[in-house]
Amino acid sequence: MAKRTDRFLSAFAAFYLIFGLLFAIAYAIYYRWEVPFAYFSPGFFAVVFTWPFQAIGFINDLLYYGLA
């Protein structure tokens, strides 16, 4: 039972971080963050770890402003 739970939690954590990384890259591109230093900033990693909360505002901005 514990092995199954460990496998599930590992898979969930990997999915969460990989999707968060992809989301944070799209977020940085959309908001035009400076390229060389933005991806090492604390704000970038904050978006990686809190992407479900960031997605709400990002999707609203994307729908309201488009790709302007």
C-alpha atoms as a PDB file:
ATOM      1  CA  MET A   1       0.000   0.000   0.000  1.00  0.00           C
ATOM      2  CA  ALA A   2       2.771   2.458   0.885  1.00  0.00           C
ATOM      3  CA  LYS A   3       4.616   1.724  -2.346  1.00  0.00           C
ATOM      4  CA  ARG A   4       1.509   2.575  -4.365  1.00  0.00           C
ATOM      5  CA  THR A   5       1.049   5.842  -2.455  1.00  0.00           C
ATOM      6  CA  ASP A   6       4.697   6.762  -2.932  1.00  0.00           C
ATOM      7  CA  ARG A   7       4.451   6.118  -6.664  1.00  0.00           C
ATOM      8  CA  PHE A   8       1.299   8.236  -6.919  1.00  0.00           C
ATOM      9  CA  LEU A   9       2.788  11.133  -4.938  1.00  0.00           C
ATOM     10  CA  SER A  10       5.997  11.028  -6.970  1.00  0.00           C
ATOM     11  CA  ALA A  11       4.078  11.075 -10.243  1.00  0.00           C
ATOM     12  CA  PHE A  12       1.839  13.890  -9.010  1.00  0.00           C
ATOM     13  CA  ALA A  13       4.806  15.985  -7.841  1.00  0.00           C
ATOM     14  CA  ALA A  14       6.625  15.445 -11.146  1.00  0.00           C
ATOM     15  CA  PHE A  15       3.527  16.440 -13.149  1.00  0.00           C
ATOM     16  CA  TYR A  16       2.910  19.474 -10.932  1.00  0.00           C
ATOM     17  CA  LEU A  17       6.469  20.783 -11.292  1.00  0.00           C
ATOM     18  CA  ILE A  18       6.824  20.055 -15.020  1.00  0.00           C
ATOM     19  CA  PHE A  19       3.491  21.686 -15.806  1.00  0.00           C
ATOM     20  CA  GLY A  20       4.390  24.566 -13.477  1.00  0.00           C
ATOM     21  CA  LEU A  21       7.679  25.056 -15.288  1.00  0.00           C
ATOM     22  CA  LEU A  22       5.958  25.149 -18.681  1.00  0.00           C
ATOM     23  CA  PHE A  23       3.299  27.494 -17.329  1.00  0.00           C
ATOM     24  CA  ALA A  24       5.919  29.799 -15.809  1.00  0.00           C
ATOM     25  CA  ILE A  25       7.795  29.988 -19.121  1.00  0.00           C
ATOM     26  CA  ALA A  26       4.584  30.933 -20.939  1.00  0.00           C
ATOM     27  CA  TYR A  27       3.791  33.411 -18.149  1.00  0.00           C
ATOM     28  CA  ALA A  28       7.226  35.039 -18.469  1.00  0.00           C
ATOM     29  CA  ILE A  29       6.939  35.278 -22.245  1.00  0.00           C
ATOM     30  CA  TYR A  30       3.436  36.773 -22.087  1.00  0.00           C
ATOM     31  CA  TYR A  31       4.359  39.420 -19.516  1.00  0.00           C
ATOM     32  CA  ARG A  32       7.655  40.150 -21.325  1.00  0.00           C
ATOM     33  CA  TRP A  33      10.044  39.447 -18.482  1.00  0.00           C
ATOM     34  CA  GLU A  34      13.708  40.104 -19.183  1.00  0.00           C
ATOM     35  CA  VAL A  35      15.094  36.942 -20.760  1.00  0.00           C
ATOM     36  CA  PRO A  36      18.463  36.236 -19.155  1.00  0.00           C
ATOM     37  CA  PHE A  37      17.626  36.927 -15.513  1.00  0.00           C
ATOM     38  CA  ALA A  38      13.876  36.355 -15.283  1.00  0.00           C
ATOM     39  CA  TYR A  39      14.203  32.579 -15.325  1.00  0.00           C
ATOM     40  CA  PHE A  40      16.462  32.600 -12.260  1.00  0.00           C
ATOM     41  CA  SER A  41      14.458  35.126 -10.256  1.00  0.00           C
ATOM     42  CA  PRO A  42      12.439  34.294  -7.139  1.00  0.00           C
ATOM     43  CA  GLY A  43       9.313  35.487  -8.948  1.00  0.00           C
ATOM     44  CA  PHE A  44       9.765  32.842 -11.623  1.00  0.00           C
ATOM     45  CA  PHE A  45      10.010  30.068  -9.048  1.00  0.00           C
ATOM     46  CA  ALA A  46       7.025  31.522  -7.201  1.00  0.00           C
ATOM     47  CA  VAL A  47       5.001  31.101 -10.403  1.00  0.00           C
ATOM     48  CA  VAL A  48       6.326  27.539 -10.824  1.00  0.00           C
ATOM     49  CA  PHE A  49       5.111  26.534  -7.369  1.00  0.00           C
ATOM     50  CA  THR A  50       1.846  28.537  -7.316  1.00  0.00           C
ATOM     51  CA  TRP A  51       0.739  28.086 -10.937  1.00  0.00           C
ATOM     52  CA  PRO A  52      -2.854  27.022 -10.121  1.00  0.00           C
ATOM     53  CA  PHE A  53      -3.438  30.384  -8.415  1.00  0.00           C
ATOM     54  CA  GLN A  54      -1.509  32.331 -11.068  1.00  0.00           C
ATOM     55  CA  ALA A  55      -3.506  30.648 -13.841  1.00  0.00           C
ATOM     56  CA  ILE A  56      -6.710  32.392 -12.773  1.00  0.00           C
ATOM     57  CA  GLY A  57      -5.322  35.891 -13.401  1.00  0.00           C
ATOM     58  CA  PHE A  58      -3.258  34.794 -16.395  1.00  0.00           C
ATOM     59  CA  ILE A  59      -6.279  33.331 -18.187  1.00  0.00           C
ATOM     60  CA  ASN A  60      -8.336  36.451 -17.398  1.00  0.00           C
ATOM     61  CA  ASP A  61      -5.578  38.682 -18.824  1.00  0.00           C
ATOM     62  CA  LEU A  62      -5.231  36.444 -21.859  1.00  0.00           C
ATOM     63  CA  LEU A  63      -8.966  36.566 -22.551  1.00  0.00           C
ATOM     64  CA  TYR A  64      -9.272  40.316 -21.903  1.00  0.00           C
ATOM     65  CA  TYR A  65      -6.092  41.614 -23.565  1.00  0.00           C
ATOM     66  CA  GLY A  66      -5.350  38.773 -25.974  1.00  0.00           C
ATOM     67  CA  LEU A  67      -1.842  38.469 -27.355  1.00  0.00           C
ATOM     68  CA  ALA A  68      -1.289  42.238 -27.447  1.00  0.00           C
END
